[in-house]
């Protein structure tokens, strides 16, 4: 994405796990699944049962000086291997 993070679509048994998390109220929609988020909000499911700071709002007030990792260790190893073999 525009922040250099590694993103992907996760599916299990034909179920879109990203969508399922938003529908269940355990994730905030970011660019997709706004309809699913609206349903979760209306039903006060998961995180919508109470109050919380949305991730972007929290980062805006607390993110100064924090470094966000682009992705996990395994992905970093994969990046290093790709770089190594790219020049061979």
C-alpha atoms as a PDB file:
ATOM      1  CA  UNK A   1       0.000   0.000   0.000  1.00  0.00           C
ATOM      2  CA  UNK A   2       1.026   3.632   0.028  1.00  0.00           C
ATOM      3  CA  UNK A   3       2.767   3.109   3.392  1.00  0.00           C
ATOM      4  CA  UNK A   4       4.892   0.239   2.091  1.00  0.00           C
ATOM      5  CA  UNK A   5       3.000  -2.413   4.074  1.00  0.00           C
ATOM      6  CA  UNK A   6       2.504  -5.903   2.708  1.00  0.00           C
ATOM      7  CA  UNK A   7      -1.239  -6.480   2.275  1.00  0.00           C
ATOM      8  CA  UNK A   8      -3.206  -9.485   1.133  1.00  0.00           C
ATOM      9  CA  UNK A   9      -6.620 -11.064   0.838  1.00  0.00           C
ATOM     10  CA  UNK A  10      -7.117 -13.837   3.376  1.00  0.00           C
ATOM     11  CA  UNK A  11      -9.580 -16.639   2.687  1.00  0.00           C
ATOM     12  CA  UNK A  12     -10.407 -19.918   4.397  1.00  0.00           C
ATOM     13  CA  UNK A  13     -12.927 -22.368   3.004  1.00  0.00           C
ATOM     14  CA  UNK A  14     -14.159 -19.751   0.562  1.00  0.00           C
ATOM     15  CA  UNK A  15     -14.782 -17.202   3.354  1.00  0.00           C
ATOM     16  CA  UNK A  16     -13.140 -13.786   3.036  1.00  0.00           C
ATOM     17  CA  UNK A  17     -11.627 -13.397   6.501  1.00  0.00           C
ATOM     18  CA  UNK A  18     -11.147  -9.645   6.146  1.00  0.00           C
ATOM     19  CA  UNK A  19     -14.852  -9.199   5.410  1.00  0.00           C
ATOM     20  CA  UNK A  20     -15.832 -11.625   8.191  1.00  0.00           C
ATOM     21  CA  UNK A  21     -13.867  -9.641  10.788  1.00  0.00           C
ATOM     22  CA  UNK A  22     -15.554  -6.396   9.756  1.00  0.00           C
ATOM     23  CA  UNK A  23     -19.012  -8.041   9.706  1.00  0.00           C
ATOM     24  CA  UNK A  24     -18.443  -9.455  13.200  1.00  0.00           C
ATOM     25  CA  UNK A  25     -17.410  -6.040  14.468  1.00  0.00           C
ATOM     26  CA  UNK A  26     -13.772  -6.926  15.182  1.00  0.00           C
ATOM     27  CA  UNK A  27     -12.161  -4.762  12.495  1.00  0.00           C
ATOM     28  CA  UNK A  28     -12.603  -1.271  11.096  1.00  0.00           C
ATOM     29  CA  UNK A  29     -13.277  -1.022   7.370  1.00  0.00           C
ATOM     30  CA  UNK A  30     -10.499   0.715   5.485  1.00  0.00           C
ATOM     31  CA  UNK A  31     -11.341   1.236   1.830  1.00  0.00           C
ATOM     32  CA  UNK A  32     -13.592  -1.817   1.568  1.00  0.00           C
ATOM     33  CA  UNK A  33     -16.488  -3.342   3.467  1.00  0.00           C
ATOM     34  CA  UNK A  34     -18.172  -0.087   4.496  1.00  0.00           C
ATOM     35  CA  UNK A  35     -21.601  -1.724   4.204  1.00  0.00           C
ATOM     36  CA  UNK A  36     -20.474  -4.565   6.464  1.00  0.00           C
ATOM     37  CA  UNK A  37     -19.094  -2.077   8.979  1.00  0.00           C
ATOM     38  CA  UNK A  38     -22.365  -0.133   8.970  1.00  0.00           C
ATOM     39  CA  UNK A  39     -24.223  -3.349   9.822  1.00  0.00           C
ATOM     40  CA  UNK A  40     -21.825  -4.149  12.656  1.00  0.00           C
ATOM     41  CA  UNK A  41     -22.169  -0.602  14.007  1.00  0.00           C
ATOM     42  CA  UNK A  42     -25.954  -0.729  13.852  1.00  0.00           C
ATOM     43  CA  UNK A  43     -25.964  -4.089  15.642  1.00  0.00           C
ATOM     44  CA  UNK A  44     -23.392  -2.890  18.197  1.00  0.00           C
ATOM     45  CA  UNK A  45     -21.279  -5.942  17.386  1.00  0.00           C
ATOM     46  CA  UNK A  46     -17.742  -6.410  18.693  1.00  0.00           C
ATOM     47  CA  UNK A  47     -15.840  -3.154  19.077  1.00  0.00           C
ATOM     48  CA  UNK A  48     -18.983  -1.196  18.220  1.00  0.00           C
ATOM     49  CA  UNK A  49     -20.628  -2.297  21.497  1.00  0.00           C
ATOM     50  CA  UNK A  50     -18.631   0.375  23.305  1.00  0.00           C
ATOM     51  CA  UNK A  51     -16.382   3.290  22.519  1.00  0.00           C
ATOM     52  CA  UNK A  52     -12.802   3.289  21.281  1.00  0.00           C
ATOM     53  CA  UNK A  53     -10.391   5.438  19.349  1.00  0.00           C
ATOM     54  CA  UNK A  54     -10.307   4.425  15.705  1.00  0.00           C
ATOM     55  CA  UNK A  55      -6.779   3.396  14.662  1.00  0.00           C
ATOM     56  CA  UNK A  56      -6.159   6.451  12.475  1.00  0.00           C
ATOM     57  CA  UNK A  57      -7.322   8.802  15.224  1.00  0.00           C
ATOM     58  CA  UNK A  58      -5.103   7.063  17.787  1.00  0.00           C
ATOM     59  CA  UNK A  59      -2.080   7.251  15.482  1.00  0.00           C
ATOM     60  CA  UNK A  60      -2.756  10.940  14.865  1.00  0.00           C
ATOM     61  CA  UNK A  61      -2.515  11.647  18.605  1.00  0.00           C
ATOM     62  CA  UNK A  62       0.029   9.011  19.721  1.00  0.00           C
ATOM     63  CA  UNK A  63       2.002   8.048  16.648  1.00  0.00           C
ATOM     64  CA  UNK A  64       4.728  10.660  16.816  1.00  0.00           C
ATOM     65  CA  UNK A  65       8.057   8.929  17.207  1.00  0.00           C
ATOM     66  CA  UNK A  66       6.624   5.446  16.723  1.00  0.00           C
ATOM     67  CA  UNK A  67       8.037   3.353  13.927  1.00  0.00           C
ATOM     68  CA  UNK A  68       5.610   1.048  12.194  1.00  0.00           C
ATOM     69  CA  UNK A  69       7.095  -2.237  11.043  1.00  0.00           C
ATOM     70  CA  UNK A  70       6.314  -2.879   7.412  1.00  0.00           C
ATOM     71  CA  UNK A  71       5.702  -6.570   7.974  1.00  0.00           C
ATOM     72  CA  UNK A  72       6.766  -9.522  10.075  1.00  0.00           C
ATOM     73  CA  UNK A  73      10.056 -11.326  10.361  1.00  0.00           C
ATOM     74  CA  UNK A  74       9.147 -14.092   7.920  1.00  0.00           C
ATOM     75  CA  UNK A  75       8.242 -11.556   5.237  1.00  0.00           C
ATOM     76  CA  UNK A  76      11.492  -9.696   5.924  1.00  0.00           C
ATOM     77  CA  UNK A  77      13.453 -12.916   5.378  1.00  0.00           C
ATOM     78  CA  UNK A  78      11.572 -13.414   2.114  1.00  0.00           C
ATOM     79  CA  UNK A  79      12.469  -9.867   1.068  1.00  0.00           C
ATOM     80  CA  UNK A  80      16.144 -10.518   1.819  1.00  0.00           C
ATOM     81  CA  UNK A  81      16.123 -13.769  -0.178  1.00  0.00           C
ATOM     82  CA  UNK A  82      14.471 -12.051  -3.151  1.00  0.00           C
ATOM     83  CA  UNK A  83      17.119  -9.327  -3.059  1.00  0.00           C
ATOM     84  CA  UNK A  84      19.898 -11.898  -2.812  1.00  0.00           C
ATOM     85  CA  UNK A  85      18.691 -13.962  -5.778  1.00  0.00           C
ATOM     86  CA  UNK A  86      17.745 -10.941  -7.854  1.00  0.00           C
ATOM     87  CA  UNK A  87      21.413 -10.113  -8.365  1.00  0.00           C
ATOM     88  CA  UNK A  88      22.537 -13.658  -9.173  1.00  0.00           C
END
